[in-house]
PDB file of N, CA and C in Angstrom:
ATOM      1  N   MET A   1      25.587 -11.868 -17.012  1.00  0.00           N
ATOM      2  CA  MET A   1      25.478 -11.177 -15.743  1.00  0.00           C
ATOM      3  C   MET A   1      25.310  -9.675 -15.996  1.00  0.00           C
ATOM      4  N   TRP A   2      24.481  -9.063 -15.208  1.00  0.00           N
ATOM      5  CA  TRP A   2      24.199  -7.639 -15.330  1.00  0.00           C
ATOM      6  C   TRP A   2      25.202  -6.822 -14.521  1.00  0.00           C
ATOM      7  N   GLU A   3      25.318  -5.537 -14.847  1.00  0.00           N
ATOM      8  CA  GLU A   3      26.144  -4.604 -14.081  1.00  0.00           C
ATOM      9  C   GLU A   3      25.233  -3.637 -13.343  1.00  0.00           C
ATOM     10  N   VAL A   4      25.686  -3.178 -12.167  1.00  0.00           N
ATOM     11  CA  VAL A   4      24.947  -2.191 -11.400  1.00  0.00           C
ATOM     12  C   VAL A   4      25.763  -0.906 -11.399  1.00  0.00           C
ATOM     13  N   HIS A   5      25.176   0.174 -11.914  1.00  0.00           N
ATOM     14  CA  HIS A   5      25.808   1.494 -11.940  1.00  0.00           C
ATOM     15  C   HIS A   5      25.020   2.433 -11.043  1.00  0.00           C
ATOM     16  N   TYR A   6      25.698   3.434 -10.496  1.00  0.00           N
ATOM     17  CA  TYR A   6      25.072   4.377  -9.573  1.00  0.00           C
ATOM     18  C   TYR A   6      25.207   5.801 -10.090  1.00  0.00           C
ATOM     19  N   SER A   7      24.122   6.569  -9.989  1.00  0.00           N
ATOM     20  CA  SER A   7      24.193   7.996 -10.296  1.00  0.00           C
ATOM     21  C   SER A   7      25.061   8.660  -9.235  1.00  0.00           C
ATOM     22  N   GLN A   8      25.477   9.880  -9.476  1.00  0.00           N
ATOM     23  CA  GLN A   8      26.280  10.613  -8.495  1.00  0.00           C
ATOM     24  C   GLN A   8      25.525  10.750  -7.174  1.00  0.00           C
ATOM     25  N   GLU A   9      24.228  11.043  -7.262  1.00  0.00           N
ATOM     26  CA  GLU A   9      23.402  11.179  -6.055  1.00  0.00           C
ATOM     27  C   GLU A   9      23.391   9.891  -5.248  1.00  0.00           C
ATOM     28  N   ALA A  10      23.168   8.765  -5.913  1.00  0.00           N
ATOM     29  CA  ALA A  10      23.106   7.480  -5.223  1.00  0.00           C
ATOM     30  C   ALA A  10      24.466   7.105  -4.639  1.00  0.00           C
ATOM     31  N   ALA A  11      25.526   7.341  -5.389  1.00  0.00           N
ATOM     32  CA  ALA A  11      26.876   7.024  -4.898  1.00  0.00           C
ATOM     33  C   ALA A  11      27.227   7.858  -3.676  1.00  0.00           C
ATOM     34  N   THR A  12      26.831   9.115  -3.673  1.00  0.00           N
ATOM     35  CA  THR A  12      27.088   9.986  -2.523  1.00  0.00           C
ATOM     36  C   THR A  12      26.320   9.500  -1.304  1.00  0.00           C
ATOM     37  N   TYR A  13      25.072   9.102  -1.492  1.00  0.00           N
ATOM     38  CA  TYR A  13      24.270   8.580  -0.380  1.00  0.00           C
ATOM     39  C   TYR A  13      24.938   7.337   0.209  1.00  0.00           C
ATOM     40  N   LEU A  14      25.405   6.442  -0.650  1.00  0.00           N
ATOM     41  CA  LEU A  14      26.086   5.235  -0.174  1.00  0.00           C
ATOM     42  C   LEU A  14      27.364   5.589   0.572  1.00  0.00           C
ATOM     43  N   GLU A  15      28.113   6.523   0.046  1.00  0.00           N
ATOM     44  CA  GLU A  15      29.372   6.929   0.683  1.00  0.00           C
ATOM     45  C   GLU A  15      29.113   7.537   2.062  1.00  0.00           C
ATOM     46  N   ASP A  16      28.102   8.378   2.158  1.00  0.00           N
ATOM     47  CA  ASP A  16      27.797   9.056   3.425  1.00  0.00           C
ATOM     48  C   ASP A  16      27.204   8.118   4.475  1.00  0.00           C
ATOM     49  N   ASN A  17      26.540   7.055   4.050  1.00  0.00           N
ATOM     50  CA  ASN A  17      25.808   6.187   4.971  1.00  0.00           C
ATOM     51  C   ASN A  17      26.242   4.726   4.913  1.00  0.00           C
ATOM     52  N   GLY A  18      27.351   4.455   4.268  1.00  0.00           N
ATOM     53  CA  GLY A  18      27.778   3.086   3.984  1.00  0.00           C
ATOM     54  C   GLY A  18      27.723   2.123   5.142  1.00  0.00           C
ATOM     55  N   ALA A  19      28.252   2.499   6.295  1.00  0.00           N
ATOM     56  CA  ALA A  19      28.288   1.582   7.435  1.00  0.00           C
ATOM     57  C   ALA A  19      26.888   1.248   7.930  1.00  0.00           C
ATOM     58  N   LEU A  20      25.953   2.153   7.754  1.00  0.00           N
ATOM     59  CA  LEU A  20      24.585   1.950   8.249  1.00  0.00           C
ATOM     60  C   LEU A  20      23.718   1.145   7.288  1.00  0.00           C
ATOM     61  N   ILE A  21      24.072   1.150   6.010  1.00  0.00           N
ATOM     62  CA  ILE A  21      23.199   0.524   5.009  1.00  0.00           C
ATOM     63  C   ILE A  21      23.929  -0.531   4.174  1.00  0.00           C
ATOM     64  N   ALA A  22      24.855  -1.240   4.794  1.00  0.00           N
ATOM     65  CA  ALA A  22      25.611  -2.264   4.067  1.00  0.00           C
ATOM     66  C   ALA A  22      24.679  -3.312   3.466  1.00  0.00           C
ATOM     67  N   GLY A  23      23.657  -3.714   4.211  1.00  0.00           N
ATOM     68  CA  GLY A  23      22.710  -4.704   3.685  1.00  0.00           C
ATOM     69  C   GLY A  23      21.981  -4.211   2.454  1.00  0.00           C
ATOM     70  N   LEU A  24      21.633  -2.934   2.442  1.00  0.00           N
ATOM     71  CA  LEU A  24      20.968  -2.346   1.282  1.00  0.00           C
ATOM     72  C   LEU A  24      21.909  -2.356   0.079  1.00  0.00           C
ATOM     73  N   PHE A  25      23.164  -2.016   0.301  1.00  0.00           N
ATOM     74  CA  PHE A  25      24.151  -2.034  -0.786  1.00  0.00           C
ATOM     75  C   PHE A  25      24.246  -3.430  -1.393  1.00  0.00           C
ATOM     76  N   PHE A  26      24.340  -4.456  -0.549  1.00  0.00           N
ATOM     77  CA  PHE A  26      24.450  -5.815  -1.066  1.00  0.00           C
ATOM     78  C   PHE A  26      23.176  -6.247  -1.797  1.00  0.00           C
ATOM     79  N   ALA A  27      22.014  -5.782  -1.340  1.00  0.00           N
ATOM     80  CA  ALA A  27      20.757  -6.088  -2.031  1.00  0.00           C
ATOM     81  C   ALA A  27      20.745  -5.449  -3.418  1.00  0.00           C
ATOM     82  N   MET A  28      21.247  -4.220  -3.520  1.00  0.00           N
ATOM     83  CA  MET A  28      21.291  -3.562  -4.834  1.00  0.00           C
ATOM     84  C   MET A  28      22.297  -4.258  -5.746  1.00  0.00           C
ATOM     85  N   GLU A  29      23.430  -4.647  -5.209  1.00  0.00           N
ATOM     86  CA  GLU A  29      24.425  -5.355  -6.013  1.00  0.00           C
ATOM     87  C   GLU A  29      23.893  -6.711  -6.484  1.00  0.00           C
ATOM     88  N   ALA A  30      23.004  -7.327  -5.705  1.00  0.00           N
ATOM     89  CA  ALA A  30      22.425  -8.619  -6.079  1.00  0.00           C
ATOM     90  C   ALA A  30      21.525  -8.512  -7.309  1.00  0.00           C
ATOM     91  N   LEU A  31      21.124  -7.295  -7.668  1.00  0.00           N
ATOM     92  CA  LEU A  31      20.340  -7.114  -8.894  1.00  0.00           C
ATOM     93  C   LEU A  31      21.094  -7.626 -10.117  1.00  0.00           C
ATOM     94  N   SER A  32      22.417  -7.645 -10.046  1.00  0.00           N
ATOM     95  CA  SER A  32      23.221  -8.119 -11.174  1.00  0.00           C
ATOM     96  C   SER A  32      23.032  -9.610 -11.418  1.00  0.00           C
ATOM     97  N   GLU A  33      22.560 -10.318 -10.417  1.00  0.00           N
ATOM     98  CA  GLU A  33      22.382 -11.764 -10.536  1.00  0.00           C
ATOM     99  C   GLU A  33      20.930 -12.163 -10.795  1.00  0.00           C
ATOM    100  N   SER A  34      20.048 -11.173 -10.889  1.00  0.00           N
ATOM    101  CA  SER A  34      18.618 -11.478 -11.068  1.00  0.00           C
ATOM    102  C   SER A  34      18.022 -10.727 -12.252  1.00  0.00           C
ATOM    103  N   GLU A  35      18.829 -10.490 -13.267  1.00  0.00           N
ATOM    104  CA  GLU A  35      18.397  -9.773 -14.464  1.00  0.00           C
ATOM    105  C   GLU A  35      17.817  -8.401 -14.149  1.00  0.00           C
ATOM    106  N   GLY A  36      18.308  -7.799 -13.060  1.00  0.00           N
ATOM    107  CA  GLY A  36      17.900  -6.450 -12.715  1.00  0.00           C
ATOM    108  C   GLY A  36      16.560  -6.323 -12.034  1.00  0.00           C
ATOM    109  N   LEU A  37      16.007  -7.442 -11.574  1.00  0.00           N
ATOM    110  CA  LEU A  37      14.718  -7.402 -10.882  1.00  0.00           C
ATOM    111  C   LEU A  37      14.903  -7.835  -9.429  1.00  0.00           C
ATOM    112  N   PRO A  38      14.266  -7.134  -8.497  1.00  0.00           N
ATOM    113  CA  PRO A  38      14.408  -7.469  -7.077  1.00  0.00           C
ATOM    114  C   PRO A  38      13.832  -8.842  -6.751  1.00  0.00           C
ATOM    115  N   VAL A  39      14.508  -9.534  -5.842  1.00  0.00           N
ATOM    116  CA  VAL A  39      13.989 -10.811  -5.350  1.00  0.00           C
ATOM    117  C   VAL A  39      13.460 -10.664  -3.924  1.00  0.00           C
ATOM    118  N   VAL A  40      13.732  -9.524  -3.285  1.00  0.00           N
ATOM    119  CA  VAL A  40      13.196  -9.216  -1.954  1.00  0.00           C
ATOM    120  C   VAL A  40      12.618  -7.808  -1.976  1.00  0.00           C
ATOM    121  N   GLY A  41      11.755  -7.510  -1.035  1.00  0.00           N
ATOM    122  CA  GLY A  41      11.127  -6.192  -0.980  1.00  0.00           C
ATOM    123  C   GLY A  41       9.980  -6.087  -1.977  1.00  0.00           C
ATOM    124  N   GLU A  42       9.361  -4.917  -1.992  1.00  0.00           N
ATOM    125  CA  GLU A  42       8.243  -4.656  -2.898  1.00  0.00           C
ATOM    126  C   GLU A  42       8.695  -3.677  -3.971  1.00  0.00           C
ATOM    127  N   PHE A  43       8.196  -3.884  -5.193  1.00  0.00           N
ATOM    128  CA  PHE A  43       8.545  -2.951  -6.258  1.00  0.00           C
ATOM    129  C   PHE A  43       7.401  -2.811  -7.241  1.00  0.00           C
ATOM    130  N   GLN A  44       7.423  -1.707  -7.967  1.00  0.00           N
ATOM    131  CA  GLN A  44       6.487  -1.494  -9.055  1.00  0.00           C
ATOM    132  C   GLN A  44       7.195  -0.717 -10.157  1.00  0.00           C
ATOM    133  N   VAL A  45       6.763  -0.964 -11.378  1.00  0.00           N
ATOM    134  CA  VAL A  45       7.338  -0.306 -12.544  1.00  0.00           C
ATOM    135  C   VAL A  45       6.389   0.804 -12.969  1.00  0.00           C
ATOM    136  N   VAL A  46       6.914   2.024 -13.082  1.00  0.00           N
ATOM    137  CA  VAL A  46       6.122   3.182 -13.498  1.00  0.00           C
ATOM    138  C   VAL A  46       6.893   3.894 -14.601  1.00  0.00           C
ATOM    139  N   GLN A  47       6.355   3.866 -15.799  1.00  0.00           N
ATOM    140  CA  GLN A  47       6.952   4.529 -16.965  1.00  0.00           C
ATOM    141  C   GLN A  47       8.438   4.202 -17.122  1.00  0.00           C
ATOM    142  N   GLY A  48       8.765   2.921 -17.001  1.00  0.00           N
ATOM    143  CA  GLY A  48      10.130   2.467 -17.221  1.00  0.00           C
ATOM    144  C   GLY A  48      11.045   2.566 -16.016  1.00  0.00           C
ATOM    145  N   ALA A  49      10.617   3.248 -14.969  1.00  0.00           N
ATOM    146  CA  ALA A  49      11.418   3.332 -13.744  1.00  0.00           C
ATOM    147  C   ALA A  49      10.885   2.316 -12.742  1.00  0.00           C
ATOM    148  N   ILE A  50      11.777   1.733 -11.985  1.00  0.00           N
ATOM    149  CA  ILE A  50      11.388   0.772 -10.962  1.00  0.00           C
ATOM    150  C   ILE A  50      11.522   1.452  -9.607  1.00  0.00           C
ATOM    151  N   PHE A  51      10.417   1.433  -8.851  1.00  0.00           N
ATOM    152  CA  PHE A  51      10.367   1.983  -7.505  1.00  0.00           C
ATOM    153  C   PHE A  51      10.374   0.791  -6.556  1.00  0.00           C
ATOM    154  N   TRP A  52      11.434   0.674  -5.767  1.00  0.00           N
ATOM    155  CA  TRP A  52      11.676  -0.515  -4.946  1.00  0.00           C
ATOM    156  C   TRP A  52      11.759  -0.122  -3.484  1.00  0.00           C
ATOM    157  N   LEU A  53      10.893  -0.682  -2.671  1.00  0.00           N
ATOM    158  CA  LEU A  53      10.936  -0.454  -1.226  1.00  0.00           C
ATOM    159  C   LEU A  53      11.664  -1.623  -0.580  1.00  0.00           C
ATOM    160  N   ILE A  54      12.785  -1.312   0.072  1.00  0.00           N
ATOM    161  CA  ILE A  54      13.600  -2.345   0.698  1.00  0.00           C
ATOM    162  C   ILE A  54      14.365  -1.758   1.869  1.00  0.00           C
ATOM    163  N   GLN A  55      14.369  -2.468   2.971  1.00  0.00           N
ATOM    164  CA  GLN A  55      15.137  -2.105   4.161  1.00  0.00           C
ATOM    165  C   GLN A  55      14.955  -0.644   4.573  1.00  0.00           C
ATOM    166  N   GLY A  56      13.716  -0.183   4.551  1.00  0.00           N
ATOM    167  CA  GLY A  56      13.409   1.178   4.978  1.00  0.00           C
ATOM    168  C   GLY A  56      13.844   2.256   4.010  1.00  0.00           C
ATOM    169  N   HIS A  57      14.089   1.892   2.759  1.00  0.00           N
ATOM    170  CA  HIS A  57      14.516   2.848   1.730  1.00  0.00           C
ATOM    171  C   HIS A  57      13.689   2.681   0.464  1.00  0.00           C
ATOM    172  N   GLN A  58      13.575   3.771  -0.265  1.00  0.00           N
ATOM    173  CA  GLN A  58      13.010   3.702  -1.609  1.00  0.00           C
ATOM    174  C   GLN A  58      14.174   3.877  -2.582  1.00  0.00           C
ATOM    175  N   VAL A  59      14.355   2.874  -3.414  1.00  0.00           N
ATOM    176  CA  VAL A  59      15.398   2.886  -4.436  1.00  0.00           C
ATOM    177  C   VAL A  59      14.690   3.040  -5.781  1.00  0.00           C
ATOM    178  N   ILE A  60      15.119   4.017  -6.546  1.00  0.00           N
ATOM    179  CA  ILE A  60      14.549   4.235  -7.880  1.00  0.00           C
ATOM    180  C   ILE A  60      15.646   3.926  -8.892  1.00  0.00           C
ATOM    181  N   TYR A  61      15.314   3.063  -9.846  1.00  0.00           N
ATOM    182  CA  TYR A  61      16.320   2.704 -10.848  1.00  0.00           C
ATOM    183  C   TYR A  61      15.674   2.341 -12.174  1.00  0.00           C
ATOM    184  N   ARG A  62      16.520   2.208 -13.170  1.00  0.00           N
ATOM    185  CA  ARG A  62      16.095   1.803 -14.509  1.00  0.00           C
ATOM    186  C   ARG A  62      16.898   0.584 -14.940  1.00  0.00           C
ATOM    187  N   ARG A  63      16.250  -0.272 -15.699  1.00  0.00           N
ATOM    188  CA  ARG A  63      16.911  -1.428 -16.306  1.00  0.00           C
ATOM    189  C   ARG A  63      17.178  -1.112 -17.770  1.00  0.00           C
ATOM    190  N   LEU A  64      18.406  -1.257 -18.186  1.00  0.00           N
ATOM    191  CA  LEU A  64      18.763  -1.097 -19.591  1.00  0.00           C
ATOM    192  C   LEU A  64      19.038  -2.499 -20.133  1.00  0.00           C
ATOM    193  N   GLU A  65      17.965  -3.127 -20.612  1.00  0.00           N
ATOM    194  CA  GLU A  65      18.048  -4.532 -21.004  1.00  0.00           C
ATOM    195  C   GLU A  65      19.075  -4.796 -22.091  1.00  0.00           C
ATOM    196  N   SER A  66      19.153  -3.941 -23.086  1.00  0.00           N
ATOM    197  CA  SER A  66      20.068  -4.191 -24.206  1.00  0.00           C
ATOM    198  C   SER A  66      21.527  -4.204 -23.766  1.00  0.00           C
ATOM    199  N   ALA A  67      21.868  -3.425 -22.734  1.00  0.00           N
ATOM    200  CA  ALA A  67      23.247  -3.371 -22.235  1.00  0.00           C
ATOM    201  C   ALA A  67      23.423  -4.191 -20.960  1.00  0.00           C
ATOM    202  N   LYS A  68      22.334  -4.754 -20.428  1.00  0.00           N
ATOM    203  CA  LYS A  68      22.347  -5.509 -19.174  1.00  0.00           C
ATOM    204  C   LYS A  68      22.934  -4.666 -18.034  1.00  0.00           C
ATOM    205  N   ILE A  69      22.361  -3.465 -17.887  1.00  0.00           N
ATOM    206  CA  ILE A  69      22.796  -2.536 -16.845  1.00  0.00           C
ATOM    207  C   ILE A  69      21.606  -2.105 -16.011  1.00  0.00           C
ATOM    208  N   VAL A  70      21.817  -2.089 -14.710  1.00  0.00           N
ATOM    209  CA  VAL A  70      20.863  -1.503 -13.772  1.00  0.00           C
ATOM    210  C   VAL A  70      21.466  -0.165 -13.357  1.00  0.00           C
ATOM    211  N   ARG A  71      20.719   0.900 -13.528  1.00  0.00           N
ATOM    212  CA  ARG A  71      21.198   2.257 -13.200  1.00  0.00           C
ATOM    213  C   ARG A  71      20.420   2.756 -11.998  1.00  0.00           C
ATOM    214  N   ILE A  72      21.055   2.765 -10.825  1.00  0.00           N
ATOM    215  CA  ILE A  72      20.425   3.260  -9.598  1.00  0.00           C
ATOM    216  C   ILE A  72      20.424   4.780  -9.674  1.00  0.00           C
ATOM    217  N   LEU A  73      19.239   5.362  -9.682  1.00  0.00           N
ATOM    218  CA  LEU A  73      19.111   6.815  -9.811  1.00  0.00           C
ATOM    219  C   LEU A  73      19.048   7.518  -8.472  1.00  0.00           C
ATOM    220  N   SER A  74      18.324   6.924  -7.514  1.00  0.00           N
ATOM    221  CA  SER A  74      18.076   7.597  -6.250  1.00  0.00           C
ATOM    222  C   SER A  74      17.884   6.587  -5.131  1.00  0.00           C
ATOM    223  N   ILE A  75      18.404   6.921  -3.950  1.00  0.00           N
ATOM    224  CA  ILE A  75      18.214   6.121  -2.741  1.00  0.00           C
ATOM    225  C   ILE A  75      17.781   7.105  -1.657  1.00  0.00           C
ATOM    226  N   LYS A  76      16.609   6.861  -1.069  1.00  0.00           N
ATOM    227  CA  LYS A  76      16.101   7.757  -0.026  1.00  0.00           C
ATOM    228  C   LYS A  76      15.459   6.939   1.088  1.00  0.00           C
ATOM    229  N   PRO A  77      15.564   7.401   2.326  1.00  0.00           N
ATOM    230  CA  PRO A  77      14.829   6.716   3.400  1.00  0.00           C
ATOM    231  C   PRO A  77      13.335   6.777   3.115  1.00  0.00           C
ATOM    232  N   ALA A  78      12.653   5.671   3.401  1.00  0.00           N
ATOM    233  CA  ALA A  78      11.210   5.616   3.153  1.00  0.00           C
ATOM    234  C   ALA A  78      10.426   6.261   4.281  1.00  0.00           C
TER     235      ALA A  78
END
Protein backbone atom coordinates (compact mmCIF):
# COMPACT_ATOMS: atom_id res chain seq x y z
CA MET A 1 0.00 0.00 0.00
CA TRP A 2 1.21 3.48 -0.85
CA GLU A 3 1.35 6.52 1.45
CA VAL A 4 0.02 9.98 0.60
CA HIS A 5 2.09 12.93 1.87
CA TYR A 6 1.24 16.62 1.52
CA SER A 7 3.49 19.64 1.05
CA GLN A 8 2.95 22.52 3.46
CA GLU A 9 1.08 24.42 0.72
CA ALA A 10 -1.27 21.51 0.03
CA ALA A 11 -1.87 20.82 3.73
CA THR A 12 -2.72 24.48 4.33
CA TYR A 13 -5.18 24.47 1.42
CA LEU A 14 -6.88 21.37 2.85
CA GLU A 15 -7.01 22.89 6.32
CA ASP A 16 -8.50 26.16 5.07
CA ASN A 17 -11.08 24.50 2.80
CA GLY A 18 -11.60 21.07 4.38
CA ALA A 19 -15.38 21.18 4.79
CA LEU A 20 -15.84 22.28 1.18
CA ILE A 21 -13.51 19.75 -0.44
CA ALA A 22 -13.94 16.58 1.61
CA GLY A 23 -14.58 14.56 -1.55
CA LEU A 24 -11.34 15.82 -3.07
CA PHE A 25 -9.44 14.83 0.08
CA PHE A 26 -10.84 11.30 -0.06
CA ALA A 27 -9.98 11.06 -3.79
CA MET A 28 -6.38 12.03 -3.03
CA GLU A 29 -6.19 9.56 -0.15
CA ALA A 30 -7.49 6.84 -2.51
CA LEU A 31 -4.24 7.19 -4.48
CA SER A 32 -2.71 4.98 -1.78
CA GLU A 33 -4.85 2.10 -3.02
CA SER A 34 -4.14 2.55 -6.74
CA GLU A 35 -0.33 2.61 -6.84
CA GLY A 36 -0.44 6.40 -6.91
CA LEU A 37 -2.42 6.71 -10.14
CA PRO A 38 -5.86 8.34 -10.37
CA VAL A 39 -8.86 6.16 -11.13
CA VAL A 40 -11.19 9.15 -11.65
CA GLY A 41 -10.69 12.51 -13.34
CA GLU A 42 -8.22 13.37 -16.07
CA PHE A 43 -4.46 13.40 -15.65
CA GLN A 44 -1.25 13.71 -17.60
CA VAL A 45 2.38 13.15 -16.70
CA VAL A 46 4.80 15.99 -17.53
CA GLN A 47 8.48 15.59 -16.63
CA GLY A 48 7.72 13.27 -13.71
CA ALA A 49 4.93 15.42 -12.26
CA ILE A 50 1.31 14.35 -12.51
CA PHE A 51 -1.24 17.05 -13.31
CA TRP A 52 -4.67 15.79 -12.23
CA LEU A 53 -7.97 17.55 -12.88
CA ILE A 54 -10.60 16.40 -10.40
CA GLN A 55 -13.65 17.95 -8.77
CA GLY A 56 -12.91 21.43 -10.09
CA HIS A 57 -9.29 21.38 -8.87
CA GLN A 58 -5.87 20.86 -10.35
CA VAL A 59 -3.75 18.63 -8.14
CA ILE A 60 -0.04 18.43 -8.91
CA TYR A 61 1.91 15.56 -7.39
CA ARG A 62 4.82 13.19 -7.80
CA ARG A 63 5.00 9.43 -7.40
CA LEU A 64 8.05 8.08 -5.60
CA GLU A 65 7.84 4.48 -6.74
CA SER A 66 10.81 3.16 -4.77
CA ALA A 67 9.31 4.39 -1.47
CA LYS A 68 5.65 3.92 -2.54
CA ILE A 69 4.83 7.54 -1.70
CA VAL A 70 2.57 10.02 -3.43
CA ARG A 71 3.69 13.59 -2.65
CA ILE A 72 0.91 16.14 -3.22
CA LEU A 73 2.68 19.37 -4.12
CA SER A 74 -0.15 21.74 -4.98
CA ILE A 75 -3.95 21.93 -4.93
CA LYS A 76 -5.62 24.82 -6.78
CA PRO A 77 -9.12 25.53 -8.08
CA ALA A 78 -9.27 24.85 -11.81
